[in-house]
Amino acid sequence: MFGFVTTAPNLLSDQSKTRYRGWYCGLCKSLGRNCGQSCRILLAYDMVFPAMLISSVFKMPEVCQNNRCIVHPFKPHTEIFTAASRYSAEMNVMLSYYKMLDDWQDDKNPAALAAARVYRGKCSALSQKYPRQCNATAQCLRELSELERGGESNPDMPANCFGQLMGEIFVMNDDGSELVHDLRKFGHAFGRFIYIMDAATDLHTDLKRERYNPLVSVPSSQITELLQIMGGEITRIFDRLPVTCDRDIMKNILCAGIWGKYEVKRQGGKRKGKINGEKSI
């Protein structure tokens, strides 16, 4: 269910591209510093968005550095850090771990099981640090798995499960404030959209392989319209948030970037303009 939350680079200014790369590199460096160097292989650009959003709405102070790394050994590049960078890196590890377990349960992929065992200890430590987020993730994924195994035909049911999970991920610290309420609401709508977008992208393949897909009973002519309605809802909630920095990048992601994978599937082509170095969980 990851791999959708990226930019449409051809619609960004050079300055915004540099900022986005800075957030991405900062997330990578945060993974190494705070979770262990082995976790940098889990780096997913999907988690750049919560780092940017949480940092912006709470006006977190940034640390910007120019460094070289293994991927960029010759030319220094910008790295942007805030407290939300570390948080997003740790959520990246947690979600990657559960993705590995999901791959094992769905496909009996032994490589996924072996990888999950490698990161089990790190996820256990994160569950002590972030019990709300980790408990919500485990519970929602259990419920989601049950719905999928039961062949739930109402797409709202599994979408709401994933929405609840993402609602907790977008809340770094729950102080009960109105802002936290709005962030959770945004995360819920965002998660619902991503779940349905993932289902729409995989529909043809799932039908061919006789795998569960919540959109089987939805007329194909209505799927794009459904996604447009859901996409409009997340942008409306986003517009009510006090985003003070990198608004153009986040709007680019919400209005164009998250549609990229779906549009490629629909058109049967290849996406162009991807920022070098991006990858997904």
Protein backbone atom coordinates (compact mmCIF):
# COMPACT_ATOMS: atom_id res chain seq x y z
CA MET A 1 0.00 0.00 0.00
CA PHE A 2 3.06 2.22 -0.27
CA GLY A 3 4.81 3.74 -3.23
CA PHE A 4 2.19 6.36 -4.06
CA VAL A 5 3.24 9.35 -1.97
CA THR A 6 5.74 11.15 -4.12
CA THR A 7 6.00 14.33 -6.18
CA ALA A 8 5.31 15.11 -9.82
CA PRO A 9 8.82 16.60 -10.35
CA ASN A 10 8.06 18.14 -13.74
CA LEU A 11 5.57 20.45 -11.99
CA LEU A 12 8.01 21.63 -9.31
CA SER A 13 10.46 24.52 -9.42
CA ASP A 14 14.17 23.75 -9.11
CA GLN A 15 14.14 25.27 -5.63
CA SER A 16 11.28 23.01 -4.53
CA LYS A 17 13.01 19.96 -5.99
CA THR A 18 16.08 20.81 -3.92
CA ARG A 19 13.94 21.18 -0.79
CA TYR A 20 12.24 17.84 -1.42
CA ARG A 21 15.56 16.08 -1.95
CA GLY A 22 16.78 17.70 1.27
CA TRP A 23 13.86 16.22 3.22
CA TYR A 24 14.42 12.85 1.56
CA CYS A 25 18.15 12.85 2.39
CA GLY A 26 17.40 14.02 5.93
CA LEU A 27 15.02 11.09 6.38
CA CYS A 28 17.70 8.71 5.11
CA LYS A 29 20.30 10.13 7.49
CA SER A 30 17.78 9.99 10.37
CA LEU A 31 17.21 6.30 9.70
CA GLY A 32 20.92 5.64 10.06
CA ARG A 33 21.44 7.83 13.11
CA ASN A 34 18.38 6.81 15.10
CA CYS A 35 17.47 3.32 13.92
CA GLY A 36 20.78 1.84 12.80
CA GLN A 37 22.59 1.89 9.46
CA SER A 38 20.90 -1.33 8.35
CA CYS A 39 17.56 0.50 8.43
CA ARG A 40 18.59 2.88 5.67
CA ILE A 41 17.75 0.13 3.18
CA LEU A 42 14.11 0.58 4.27
CA LEU A 43 14.04 4.22 3.16
CA ALA A 44 10.72 5.11 1.53
CA TYR A 45 9.85 8.46 0.01
CA ASP A 46 6.27 7.96 1.28
CA MET A 47 7.47 9.00 4.74
CA VAL A 48 8.87 12.33 3.54
CA PHE A 49 5.34 13.73 3.42
CA PRO A 50 4.49 13.27 7.14
CA ALA A 51 7.92 14.67 8.05
CA MET A 52 7.23 17.82 6.03
CA LEU A 53 3.62 18.20 7.15
CA ILE A 54 4.20 17.71 10.88
CA SER A 55 7.25 19.99 10.78
CA SER A 56 5.31 22.71 8.97
CA VAL A 57 2.13 22.79 11.04
CA PHE A 58 4.09 22.83 14.31
CA LYS A 59 6.71 25.27 12.96
CA MET A 60 9.57 22.98 14.03
CA PRO A 61 13.09 24.44 13.77
CA GLU A 62 15.11 23.02 10.89
CA VAL A 63 18.73 21.97 10.74
CA CYS A 64 20.09 22.14 7.17
CA GLN A 65 23.46 20.59 6.33
CA ASN A 66 25.47 19.93 3.18
CA ASN A 67 27.07 16.50 3.18
CA ARG A 68 28.30 13.67 0.99
CA CYS A 69 27.18 10.08 1.40
CA ILE A 70 27.62 6.67 -0.22
CA VAL A 71 24.91 7.43 -2.78
CA HIS A 72 26.29 10.94 -3.45
CA PRO A 73 30.04 10.54 -2.78
CA PHE A 74 31.38 13.41 -4.90
CA LYS A 75 28.91 16.28 -4.74
CA PRO A 76 27.63 17.64 -1.40
CA HIS A 77 23.86 17.65 -1.09
CA THR A 78 21.39 19.32 1.26
CA GLU A 79 19.96 17.41 4.23
CA ILE A 80 17.01 18.83 6.18
CA PHE A 81 16.24 17.66 9.70
CA THR A 82 13.55 18.40 12.29
CA ALA A 83 12.18 16.39 15.21
CA ALA A 84 9.60 15.06 12.76
CA SER A 85 12.38 13.63 10.58
CA ARG A 86 13.36 11.25 13.36
CA TYR A 87 9.73 10.40 14.06
CA SER A 88 9.02 9.68 10.39
CA ALA A 89 12.17 7.56 10.14
CA GLU A 90 11.02 5.46 13.09
CA MET A 91 7.53 5.11 11.62
CA ASN A 92 9.22 4.09 8.36
CA VAL A 93 10.88 1.19 10.17
CA MET A 94 7.68 0.15 11.93
CA LEU A 95 5.58 0.20 8.76
CA SER A 96 8.28 -1.64 6.82
CA TYR A 97 8.31 -4.38 9.44
CA TYR A 98 4.55 -4.86 9.22
CA LYS A 99 4.76 -4.77 5.41
CA MET A 100 7.23 -7.66 5.58
CA LEU A 101 4.85 -9.63 7.79
CA ASP A 102 2.00 -8.86 5.41
CA ASP A 103 4.03 -10.09 2.43
CA TRP A 104 4.76 -13.31 4.30
CA GLN A 105 1.13 -13.86 5.25
CA ASP A 106 -0.20 -13.04 1.77
CA ASP A 107 2.37 -14.75 -0.44
CA LYS A 108 4.34 -16.97 1.96
CA ASN A 109 7.44 -15.17 0.77
CA PRO A 110 10.34 -16.62 2.79
CA ALA A 111 12.53 -13.58 2.07
CA ALA A 112 9.88 -11.33 3.68
CA LEU A 113 9.76 -13.54 6.75
CA ALA A 114 13.55 -13.55 7.05
CA ALA A 115 13.65 -9.76 6.73
CA ALA A 116 10.91 -9.37 9.35
CA ARG A 117 12.95 -11.43 11.79
CA VAL A 118 15.93 -9.13 11.23
CA TYR A 119 13.91 -6.03 12.17
CA ARG A 120 11.67 -7.57 14.83
CA GLY A 121 13.86 -6.33 17.68
CA LYS A 122 13.87 -2.76 16.37
CA CYS A 123 10.10 -2.80 15.98
CA SER A 124 9.74 -4.15 19.51
CA ALA A 125 11.79 -1.20 20.81
CA LEU A 126 9.64 1.22 18.82
CA SER A 127 6.48 -0.28 20.32
CA GLN A 128 7.78 0.75 23.74
CA LYS A 129 8.49 4.28 22.54
CA TYR A 130 5.32 4.72 20.47
CA PRO A 131 2.70 2.39 21.99
CA ARG A 132 -0.27 4.29 20.54
CA GLN A 133 0.99 4.20 16.97
CA CYS A 134 2.33 0.64 17.12
CA ASN A 135 -0.76 -0.79 18.81
CA ALA A 136 -3.03 0.99 16.32
CA THR A 137 -0.98 -0.32 13.40
CA ALA A 138 -1.02 -3.91 14.63
CA GLN A 139 -4.73 -3.83 15.47
CA CYS A 140 -5.80 -2.15 12.22
CA LEU A 141 -3.74 -4.53 10.11
CA ARG A 142 -5.25 -7.52 11.94
CA GLU A 143 -8.74 -6.19 11.27
CA LEU A 144 -7.83 -5.41 7.68
CA SER A 145 -6.51 -8.93 7.17
CA GLU A 146 -9.72 -10.39 8.55
CA LEU A 147 -11.84 -8.27 6.22
CA GLU A 148 -9.75 -9.24 3.23
CA ARG A 149 -9.80 -12.95 4.11
CA GLY A 150 -13.56 -12.71 4.53
CA GLY A 151 -13.94 -11.14 1.09
CA GLU A 152 -15.55 -7.93 2.37
CA SER A 153 -17.35 -6.40 -0.64
CA ASN A 154 -17.90 -2.92 0.84
CA PRO A 155 -14.67 -1.00 0.09
CA ASP A 156 -15.43 1.48 2.89
CA MET A 157 -14.74 -1.18 5.52
CA PRO A 158 -11.09 -1.98 4.70
CA ALA A 159 -10.44 1.63 3.63
CA ASN A 160 -11.57 2.87 7.03
CA CYS A 161 -9.22 0.38 8.70
CA PHE A 162 -6.22 1.72 6.84
CA GLY A 163 -7.46 5.27 7.37
CA GLN A 164 -7.53 4.75 11.12
CA LEU A 165 -3.95 3.44 11.00
CA MET A 166 -2.69 6.45 9.05
CA GLY A 167 -4.62 8.82 11.29
CA GLU A 168 -2.44 7.70 14.20
CA ILE A 169 0.77 7.87 12.17
CA PHE A 170 0.16 11.54 11.34
CA VAL A 171 -0.17 12.36 15.06
CA MET A 172 3.34 12.55 16.49
CA ASN A 173 2.29 13.70 19.98
CA ASP A 174 -1.34 13.49 21.04
CA ASP A 175 -2.00 16.51 23.25
CA GLY A 176 -5.72 16.55 22.51
CA SER A 177 -5.53 19.87 20.72
CA GLU A 178 -7.69 20.93 17.80
CA LEU A 179 -4.63 20.83 15.56
CA VAL A 180 -3.96 17.21 16.50
CA HIS A 181 -7.61 16.43 15.79
CA ASP A 182 -7.27 17.98 12.32
CA LEU A 183 -4.04 16.08 11.62
CA ARG A 184 -5.68 12.80 12.61
CA LYS A 185 -8.64 13.62 10.40
CA PHE A 186 -6.30 14.36 7.51
CA GLY A 187 -4.38 11.12 8.08
CA HIS A 188 -7.61 9.13 8.14
CA ALA A 189 -8.82 10.59 4.83
CA PHE A 190 -5.34 10.21 3.36
CA GLY A 191 -5.14 6.55 4.38
CA ARG A 192 -8.58 5.82 2.93
CA PHE A 193 -7.54 7.36 -0.37
CA ILE A 194 -4.23 5.46 -0.53
CA TYR A 195 -5.96 2.15 0.20
CA ILE A 196 -8.52 2.64 -2.57
CA MET A 197 -5.86 3.97 -4.95
CA ASP A 198 -3.76 0.86 -4.29
CA ALA A 199 -6.80 -1.35 -4.93
CA ALA A 200 -7.62 0.49 -8.16
CA THR A 201 -4.02 0.17 -9.39
CA ASP A 202 -3.92 -3.57 -8.64
CA LEU A 203 -7.47 -4.42 -9.74
CA HIS A 204 -6.58 -6.01 -13.07
CA THR A 205 -3.75 -8.07 -11.57
CA ASP A 206 -5.85 -9.16 -8.59
CA LEU A 207 -8.68 -10.31 -10.84
CA LYS A 208 -6.23 -12.27 -12.96
CA ARG A 209 -4.68 -13.94 -9.91
CA GLU A 210 -8.04 -14.38 -8.17
CA ARG A 211 -6.92 -12.31 -5.19
CA TYR A 212 -9.06 -10.13 -2.96
CA ASN A 213 -9.78 -6.61 -4.14
CA PRO A 214 -12.46 -4.39 -2.55
CA LEU A 215 -13.32 -2.76 -5.88
CA VAL A 216 -14.44 -5.94 -7.65
CA SER A 217 -18.10 -4.96 -7.33
CA VAL A 218 -17.54 -1.29 -8.23
CA PRO A 219 -18.19 -0.47 -11.92
CA SER A 220 -14.91 0.45 -13.60
CA SER A 221 -16.50 3.63 -14.93
CA GLN A 222 -16.99 4.85 -11.35
CA ILE A 223 -13.54 4.13 -9.88
CA THR A 224 -11.83 7.28 -11.16
CA GLU A 225 -14.76 9.39 -10.00
CA LEU A 226 -14.59 7.77 -6.56
CA LEU A 227 -10.87 8.56 -6.32
CA GLN A 228 -11.44 12.14 -7.42
CA ILE A 229 -14.02 12.64 -4.68
CA MET A 230 -11.69 11.15 -2.06
CA GLY A 231 -8.75 13.17 -3.38
CA GLY A 232 -10.81 16.33 -3.14
CA GLU A 233 -11.61 15.55 0.48
CA ILE A 234 -7.96 15.23 1.52
CA THR A 235 -7.01 18.48 -0.22
CA ARG A 236 -9.90 20.28 1.51
CA ILE A 237 -8.71 19.07 4.91
CA PHE A 238 -5.11 19.93 4.02
CA ASP A 239 -6.11 23.47 3.07
CA ARG A 240 -7.50 23.99 6.59
CA LEU A 241 -4.19 23.04 8.21
CA PRO A 242 -1.78 25.86 9.16
CA VAL A 243 0.91 24.80 6.68
CA THR A 244 3.59 27.49 6.80
CA CYS A 245 6.45 25.94 4.82
CA ASP A 246 6.81 23.76 1.69
CA ARG A 247 3.13 24.11 0.91
CA ASP A 248 3.80 24.01 -2.84
CA ILE A 249 5.59 20.65 -2.53
CA MET A 250 2.84 19.09 -0.47
CA LYS A 251 0.12 20.39 -2.77
CA ASN A 252 2.08 18.96 -5.69
CA ILE A 253 2.08 15.56 -3.98
CA LEU A 254 -1.63 15.68 -3.12
CA CYS A 255 -2.88 17.04 -6.45
CA ALA A 256 -0.51 15.30 -8.87
CA GLY A 257 2.14 13.04 -7.32
CA ILE A 258 -0.16 10.51 -5.67
CA TRP A 259 -1.98 10.04 -8.97
CA GLY A 260 1.16 9.08 -10.87
CA LYS A 261 1.15 5.33 -10.32
CA TYR A 262 -2.56 5.03 -11.06
CA GLU A 263 -2.27 7.06 -14.25
CA VAL A 264 0.67 4.96 -15.43
CA LYS A 265 -1.46 1.84 -14.94
CA ARG A 266 -4.37 3.38 -16.80
CA GLN A 267 -2.24 4.55 -19.70
CA GLY A 268 0.00 1.49 -19.81
CA GLY A 269 3.10 3.67 -19.98
CA LYS A 270 6.01 4.66 -17.81
CA ARG A 271 6.15 7.58 -15.45
CA LYS A 272 8.68 10.24 -16.39
CA GLY A 273 10.47 12.82 -14.29
CA LYS A 274 10.98 10.79 -11.11
CA ILE A 275 13.55 12.29 -8.77
CA ASN A 276 16.71 10.19 -8.78
CA GLY A 277 17.17 7.98 -5.75
CA GLU A 278 13.51 7.69 -4.81
CA LYS A 279 12.16 4.28 -3.91
CA SER A 280 9.26 2.88 -1.96
CA ILE A 281 8.64 0.29 0.70
